[in-house]
Amino acid sequence: MATNLRCVKRGYADIGDGNQMYYETMGDGYPLIMLHQSWWSNFEFEKVIPLLARKYKVYAPDTLGFGFSPPAPEFWEFSDFTDAVVRFMDALGIEKAHFAGQHTGSLLMADMDARHKDRCDCMCYGGLAIYDEELRKKKNALRRMIGTNQAPYIKTLQPGDVIGSESGLLQRKEDGSHMIEYWMEQMRENPDSKLEYVHRAAIANMLHYDKGGADAITVLLAFDLVRALKFCTRPSLQLIGSRDCVKPPVFATIGEAAAYMKSDIMRFKVIYGAGIMGWLDYPFEYANAVLEFLEDPAAYKGTTGHELDLAMREYLFPVQEDIKFIDPNKYPDSK
């Protein structure tokens, strides 16, 4: 699974210990590295790469375990996936770069800023939000107990299950009906996207689970994003899809997540109508926001005031009395 772009350069970067990372690159100029979400691959940036490549040299790697990259070693934790990005940069002679990403990619970016800020310039986070702490720990324990990639497919969804371990597990069936179930899962998660994108997302997910190895979704559930954000200082743009899944009660809002950052330059941009597949469905809106922000982060206006406040108040599920909403004050300060 890769992009269908004809004008990209394709290759593999040797990142050490026998591991390689597939990537595509286009354009000239200052490097911009794009990190995809789980369980997909760099194909989710197919529509924005040519737009961003007009100004930057864009690199779109497949995280280990996804797309055309080989499986990640079984013992890897989240920090290993982040360190692989650093080794990817070393392999290609990239000293420092701008970053843009979505969901898992944004978490990797936060870890990059926290631990490798000398390699980061400006950060364009797509769908960055904090899991409800109780739910995060529950999901992490469940996935490690049942074997991550070898876990059964569970079709019944409850509040808190739409994004995370339960909705992404796949058990192969002799009649192939699991492929239909996985297709329907992508249709439920991306009801407004093109069938072409739903098709490719379903294939990308199944390809990931066919690889085995460490699973980025499982290890990110053990990642303390709150603590990492307290060490993030690079200029950042928070890209908010109005129909994205990163909303209460499953997640803190993106504004709450960004509040932990120590960056002096913090900007927001709401992309109306954008969901999980926002970079594919709204490429011009995402590309324009990124290009304008990177041009002059301090001068970029983005979305502010009442408009931003309304976007932060939307919830993933109807309000129910038995759902505990996230209280950002419950996270203790890091030592």
Protein backbone atom coordinates (compact mmCIF):
# COMPACT_ATOMS: atom_id res chain seq x y z
CA MET A 1 0.00 0.00 0.00
CA ALA A 2 1.49 3.27 -1.17
CA THR A 3 0.36 6.42 -2.94
CA ASN A 4 -0.61 6.26 -6.60
CA LEU A 5 1.46 9.32 -7.41
CA ARG A 6 3.59 9.00 -10.55
CA CYS A 7 6.12 11.74 -9.87
CA VAL A 8 7.39 10.73 -6.45
CA LYS A 9 10.74 9.15 -5.78
CA ARG A 10 10.36 5.86 -3.93
CA GLY A 11 12.93 4.10 -1.80
CA TYR A 12 13.92 2.40 1.43
CA ALA A 13 15.97 3.95 4.20
CA ASP A 14 18.21 1.67 6.27
CA ILE A 15 17.49 2.60 9.88
CA GLY A 16 19.72 0.06 11.60
CA ASP A 17 19.36 -3.37 13.21
CA GLY A 18 18.29 -4.83 9.88
CA ASN A 19 15.22 -2.58 9.66
CA GLN A 20 14.19 -0.56 6.62
CA MET A 21 11.56 2.13 6.22
CA TYR A 22 9.74 2.65 2.93
CA TYR A 23 9.23 6.27 1.90
CA GLU A 24 8.21 8.52 -0.96
CA THR A 25 9.54 12.00 -1.60
CA MET A 26 8.67 14.88 -3.90
CA GLY A 27 9.76 18.48 -4.35
CA ASP A 28 12.76 20.59 -3.40
CA GLY A 29 13.56 22.91 -0.55
CA TYR A 30 13.37 22.62 3.22
CA PRO A 31 12.32 19.11 4.36
CA LEU A 32 8.76 18.42 5.53
CA ILE A 33 8.16 14.95 6.98
CA MET A 34 4.61 13.58 7.06
CA LEU A 35 3.66 10.85 9.52
CA HIS A 36 0.50 8.83 8.91
CA GLN A 37 -2.05 7.40 11.31
CA SER A 38 -2.62 3.78 12.26
CA TRP A 39 -3.54 1.48 10.64
CA TRP A 40 -2.91 3.15 7.34
CA SER A 41 0.19 4.18 5.39
CA ASN A 42 1.48 7.20 3.53
CA PHE A 43 -1.37 6.88 1.03
CA GLU A 44 -3.46 9.18 3.26
CA PHE A 45 -1.24 12.10 2.16
CA GLU A 46 -1.54 11.32 -1.54
CA LYS A 47 -3.61 14.40 -2.33
CA VAL A 48 -1.57 16.90 -0.30
CA ILE A 49 1.96 15.79 -1.19
CA PRO A 50 1.94 17.48 -4.63
CA LEU A 51 0.51 20.67 -3.10
CA LEU A 52 3.09 20.85 -0.32
CA ALA A 53 5.92 19.81 -2.66
CA ARG A 54 5.57 23.13 -4.50
CA LYS A 55 7.35 24.75 -1.57
CA TYR A 56 9.05 21.93 0.39
CA LYS A 57 10.85 18.66 -0.10
CA VAL A 58 8.18 16.33 1.24
CA TYR A 59 9.02 12.96 2.75
CA ALA A 60 6.20 10.49 3.47
CA PRO A 61 7.47 7.30 5.14
CA ASP A 62 5.50 4.21 6.09
CA THR A 63 5.89 3.52 9.80
CA LEU A 64 7.31 0.06 10.48
CA GLY A 65 4.50 -2.47 10.41
CA PHE A 66 2.48 -0.45 7.88
CA GLY A 67 2.29 -0.11 4.12
CA PHE A 68 5.45 -1.21 2.31
CA SER A 69 7.62 -1.11 5.44
CA PRO A 70 8.46 -4.43 7.14
CA PRO A 71 7.03 -5.44 10.53
CA ALA A 72 8.31 -3.66 13.61
CA PRO A 73 10.28 -5.84 16.04
CA GLU A 74 8.03 -7.57 18.56
CA PHE A 75 9.65 -5.88 21.56
CA TRP A 76 9.22 -2.29 20.34
CA GLU A 77 7.47 0.30 22.50
CA PHE A 78 6.20 3.70 21.38
CA SER A 79 9.54 5.44 21.88
CA ASP A 80 11.13 2.95 19.46
CA PHE A 81 8.74 4.04 16.71
CA THR A 82 9.74 7.66 17.38
CA ASP A 83 13.44 6.84 17.40
CA ALA A 84 12.93 5.10 14.04
CA VAL A 85 11.89 8.47 12.61
CA VAL A 86 15.15 9.97 13.86
CA ARG A 87 17.14 7.15 12.29
CA PHE A 88 15.15 7.64 9.09
CA MET A 89 16.31 11.26 9.07
CA ASP A 90 19.89 10.19 9.73
CA ALA A 91 19.78 7.72 6.84
CA LEU A 92 18.65 10.41 4.41
CA GLY A 93 20.91 13.15 5.77
CA ILE A 94 18.04 15.25 7.14
CA GLU A 95 19.37 17.32 10.02
CA LYS A 96 16.13 19.13 10.86
CA ALA A 97 12.62 19.25 9.39
CA HIS A 98 9.08 20.53 9.66
CA PHE A 99 6.56 17.83 10.54
CA ALA A 100 2.91 17.18 9.74
CA GLY A 101 0.87 14.18 10.79
CA GLN A 102 -2.45 12.65 11.72
CA HIS A 103 -3.52 10.78 14.88
CA THR A 104 -0.68 8.28 15.58
CA GLY A 105 1.61 10.43 13.46
CA SER A 106 0.81 13.42 15.68
CA LEU A 107 1.65 11.44 18.80
CA LEU A 108 5.00 10.52 17.25
CA MET A 109 5.55 14.21 16.54
CA ALA A 110 4.85 15.13 20.15
CA ASP A 111 7.37 12.54 21.31
CA MET A 112 9.84 13.90 18.74
CA ASP A 113 9.45 17.43 20.12
CA ALA A 114 9.76 16.21 23.70
CA ARG A 115 12.87 14.06 23.22
CA HIS A 116 14.46 15.13 19.90
CA LYS A 117 13.55 18.82 19.62
CA ASP A 118 16.88 19.58 17.95
CA ARG A 119 15.56 17.64 14.92
CA CYS A 120 12.19 19.46 14.82
CA ASP A 121 11.22 22.82 13.41
CA CYS A 122 7.49 23.61 13.11
CA MET A 123 4.87 20.98 13.96
CA CYS A 124 1.49 20.65 12.21
CA TYR A 125 -0.57 18.27 14.33
CA GLY A 126 -3.65 16.65 12.81
CA GLY A 127 -6.12 15.19 15.28
CA LEU A 128 -3.92 15.42 18.38
CA ALA A 129 -5.89 14.53 21.51
CA ILE A 130 -5.48 12.72 24.78
CA TYR A 131 -7.23 9.42 25.49
CA ASP A 132 -9.38 9.35 28.59
CA GLU A 133 -6.89 8.00 31.13
CA GLU A 134 -9.07 5.20 32.48
CA LEU A 135 -10.09 4.07 29.01
CA ARG A 136 -6.50 4.22 27.72
CA LYS A 137 -5.24 1.90 30.46
CA LYS A 138 -8.17 -0.47 30.01
CA LYS A 139 -7.59 -0.75 26.27
CA ASN A 140 -3.85 -1.20 26.68
CA ALA A 141 -4.32 -4.04 29.16
CA LEU A 142 -6.89 -5.70 26.89
CA ARG A 143 -4.73 -5.60 23.79
CA ARG A 144 -1.67 -6.94 25.58
CA MET A 145 -3.73 -9.69 27.17
CA ILE A 146 -5.29 -11.00 23.96
CA GLY A 147 -2.24 -10.68 21.75
CA THR A 148 -2.63 -7.47 19.72
CA ASN A 149 -2.44 -8.53 16.04
CA GLN A 150 -3.71 -12.03 16.80
CA ALA A 151 -6.81 -10.83 18.65
CA PRO A 152 -10.36 -11.71 17.55
CA TYR A 153 -12.46 -9.29 15.57
CA ILE A 154 -15.18 -7.72 17.72
CA LYS A 155 -18.00 -6.12 15.77
CA THR A 156 -20.22 -4.73 18.52
CA LEU A 157 -19.27 -1.13 19.27
CA GLN A 158 -19.98 0.78 22.45
CA PRO A 159 -19.10 4.35 23.46
CA GLY A 160 -15.33 4.42 23.74
CA ASP A 161 -14.85 1.53 21.32
CA VAL A 162 -15.10 3.35 18.00
CA ILE A 163 -11.43 4.18 17.88
CA GLY A 164 -8.94 1.90 19.56
CA SER A 165 -8.37 -1.76 20.05
CA GLU A 166 -11.86 -3.21 19.80
CA SER A 167 -12.77 -1.77 16.42
CA GLY A 168 -9.51 -2.62 14.71
CA LEU A 169 -8.98 -6.27 15.54
CA LEU A 170 -9.34 -8.85 12.83
CA GLN A 171 -9.88 -12.58 12.99
CA ARG A 172 -9.52 -14.36 9.66
CA LYS A 173 -12.46 -16.54 8.69
CA GLU A 174 -12.51 -19.39 6.19
CA ASP A 175 -15.38 -17.93 4.18
CA GLY A 176 -13.64 -14.56 3.89
CA SER A 177 -16.53 -12.77 5.59
CA HIS A 178 -14.04 -10.89 7.77
CA MET A 179 -13.17 -8.81 4.71
CA ILE A 180 -16.79 -7.67 4.44
CA GLU A 181 -16.87 -6.91 8.15
CA TYR A 182 -13.70 -4.86 7.83
CA TRP A 183 -15.11 -3.01 4.84
CA MET A 184 -18.25 -2.16 6.81
CA GLU A 185 -16.11 -0.99 9.70
CA GLN A 186 -14.36 1.51 7.44
CA MET A 187 -17.72 2.63 6.06
CA ARG A 188 -18.97 3.30 9.59
CA GLU A 189 -15.86 5.25 10.56
CA ASN A 190 -15.70 7.24 7.30
CA PRO A 191 -19.32 7.71 6.17
CA ASP A 192 -18.63 10.87 4.17
CA SER A 193 -15.49 9.72 2.35
CA LYS A 194 -15.20 8.38 -1.17
CA LEU A 195 -15.53 4.62 -1.69
CA GLU A 196 -12.04 4.71 -3.21
CA TYR A 197 -10.58 5.87 0.10
CA VAL A 198 -12.66 3.43 2.16
CA HIS A 199 -11.43 0.61 -0.08
CA ARG A 200 -7.79 1.58 0.31
CA ALA A 201 -8.12 2.06 4.06
CA ALA A 202 -9.61 -1.41 4.46
CA ILE A 203 -6.76 -2.93 2.43
CA ALA A 204 -4.16 -0.98 4.41
CA ASN A 205 -5.62 -2.21 7.70
CA MET A 206 -5.66 -5.84 6.62
CA LEU A 207 -2.13 -5.51 5.26
CA HIS A 208 -0.97 -4.23 8.64
CA TYR A 209 -2.48 -7.16 10.52
CA ASP A 210 -0.98 -9.60 8.03
CA LYS A 211 2.51 -8.38 8.98
CA GLY A 212 2.55 -9.13 12.71
CA GLY A 213 5.27 -7.62 14.87
CA ALA A 214 4.81 -4.78 17.35
CA ASP A 215 1.60 -2.87 16.85
CA ALA A 216 1.73 0.93 17.06
CA ILE A 217 -1.85 1.19 18.35
CA THR A 218 -1.10 -1.10 21.29
CA VAL A 219 2.09 0.66 22.33
CA LEU A 220 0.64 4.16 21.96
CA LEU A 221 -1.95 3.18 24.56
CA ALA A 222 0.95 2.90 27.03
CA PHE A 223 2.40 6.27 25.96
CA ASP A 224 2.02 9.11 28.46
CA LEU A 225 1.13 11.88 26.04
CA VAL A 226 0.29 14.33 28.83
CA ARG A 227 3.82 14.14 30.17
CA ALA A 228 5.35 14.41 26.68
CA LEU A 229 3.33 17.52 25.82
CA LYS A 230 4.80 19.35 28.81
CA PHE A 231 8.18 19.21 27.04
CA CYS A 232 6.91 20.30 23.59
CA THR A 233 8.22 23.77 22.76
CA ARG A 234 8.26 23.98 18.96
CA PRO A 235 5.80 26.28 17.10
CA SER A 236 2.66 24.24 16.48
CA LEU A 237 -0.48 24.27 14.39
CA GLN A 238 -3.41 22.19 15.62
CA LEU A 239 -5.52 20.99 12.69
CA ILE A 240 -9.05 20.09 13.82
CA GLY A 241 -11.39 18.10 11.60
CA SER A 242 -14.93 19.02 12.62
CA ARG A 243 -16.06 15.41 12.03
CA ASP A 244 -12.94 13.75 13.39
CA CYS A 245 -13.22 11.17 16.16
CA VAL A 246 -10.90 12.89 18.65
CA LYS A 247 -13.62 14.35 20.84
CA PRO A 248 -15.00 13.77 24.32
CA PRO A 249 -15.86 11.49 26.00
CA VAL A 250 -13.23 9.19 24.47
CA PHE A 251 -10.61 11.92 24.12
CA ALA A 252 -9.80 15.30 25.55
CA THR A 253 -10.38 18.08 23.06
CA ILE A 254 -7.45 19.20 20.95
CA GLY A 255 -7.50 22.50 22.81
CA GLU A 256 -7.09 20.70 26.14
CA ALA A 257 -4.21 18.68 24.73
CA ALA A 258 -2.52 21.76 23.32
CA ALA A 259 -2.83 23.52 26.68
CA TYR A 260 -0.15 21.23 28.08
CA MET A 261 2.38 22.36 25.49
CA LYS A 262 5.03 24.92 26.34
CA SER A 263 5.19 26.42 22.88
CA ASP A 264 5.19 30.20 22.57
CA ILE A 265 3.48 29.91 19.17
CA MET A 266 0.23 27.92 19.22
CA ARG A 267 -2.30 28.19 16.39
CA PHE A 268 -5.53 26.34 15.54
CA LYS A 269 -7.38 25.68 12.30
CA VAL A 270 -10.79 24.00 12.05
CA ILE A 271 -11.36 22.12 8.79
CA TYR A 272 -15.13 21.86 8.48
CA GLY A 273 -16.47 18.50 7.34
CA ALA A 274 -13.12 16.73 7.75
CA GLY A 275 -13.16 13.39 9.54
CA ILE A 276 -10.60 10.63 9.98
CA MET A 277 -9.73 10.87 6.26
CA GLY A 278 -9.42 14.64 6.34
CA TRP A 279 -6.12 14.88 4.45
CA LEU A 280 -7.67 12.89 1.59
CA ASP A 281 -11.13 14.46 1.62
CA TYR A 282 -10.00 18.09 2.08
CA PRO A 283 -6.48 18.27 0.64
CA PHE A 284 -6.58 21.93 -0.38
CA GLU A 285 -7.83 23.07 3.02
CA TYR A 286 -5.17 21.06 4.88
CA ALA A 287 -2.38 22.01 2.48
CA ASN A 288 -3.25 25.71 2.56
CA ALA A 289 -3.33 25.72 6.37
CA VAL A 290 0.06 24.03 6.57
CA LEU A 291 1.66 26.25 3.92
CA GLU A 292 0.34 29.47 5.46
CA PHE A 293 1.42 28.46 8.94
CA LEU A 294 4.91 27.41 7.89
CA GLU A 295 5.36 30.63 5.94
CA ASP A 296 5.10 32.71 9.12
CA PRO A 297 3.94 30.83 12.25
CA ALA A 298 3.77 33.94 14.44
CA ALA A 299 1.61 35.85 11.94
CA TYR A 300 -0.74 32.98 11.12
CA LYS A 301 -4.27 33.65 12.38
CA GLY A 302 -6.14 30.39 11.85
CA THR A 303 -9.37 29.79 13.76
CA THR A 304 -9.92 31.82 16.91
CA GLY A 305 -12.59 33.09 19.27
CA HIS A 306 -16.18 31.85 19.34
CA GLU A 307 -15.71 29.76 16.22
CA LEU A 308 -12.91 27.78 17.83
CA ASP A 309 -14.81 27.48 21.10
CA LEU A 310 -17.79 25.93 19.31
CA ALA A 311 -15.56 23.37 17.61
CA MET A 312 -14.11 22.35 20.97
CA ARG A 313 -17.55 21.84 22.51
CA GLU A 314 -18.71 19.14 20.10
CA TYR A 315 -18.92 15.59 21.42
CA LEU A 316 -18.47 12.26 19.73
CA PHE A 317 -21.54 10.76 21.42
CA PRO A 318 -24.79 12.22 22.75
CA VAL A 319 -24.46 13.24 26.37
CA GLN A 320 -25.33 10.34 28.67
CA GLU A 321 -25.47 10.38 32.44
CA ASP A 322 -23.34 7.25 32.76
CA ILE A 323 -20.45 8.65 30.69
CA LYS A 324 -17.69 10.33 32.64
CA PHE A 325 -16.30 13.25 30.69
CA ILE A 326 -12.64 14.09 30.71
CA ASP A 327 -11.45 16.47 33.38
CA PRO A 328 -8.11 17.98 32.25
CA ASN A 329 -7.34 18.89 35.86
CA LYS A 330 -7.06 15.25 36.88
CA TYR A 331 -3.70 14.77 35.16
CA PRO A 332 -0.90 15.28 37.69
CA ASP A 333 2.05 17.44 36.82
CA SER A 334 5.08 15.54 35.57
CA LYS A 335 8.11 15.29 37.82
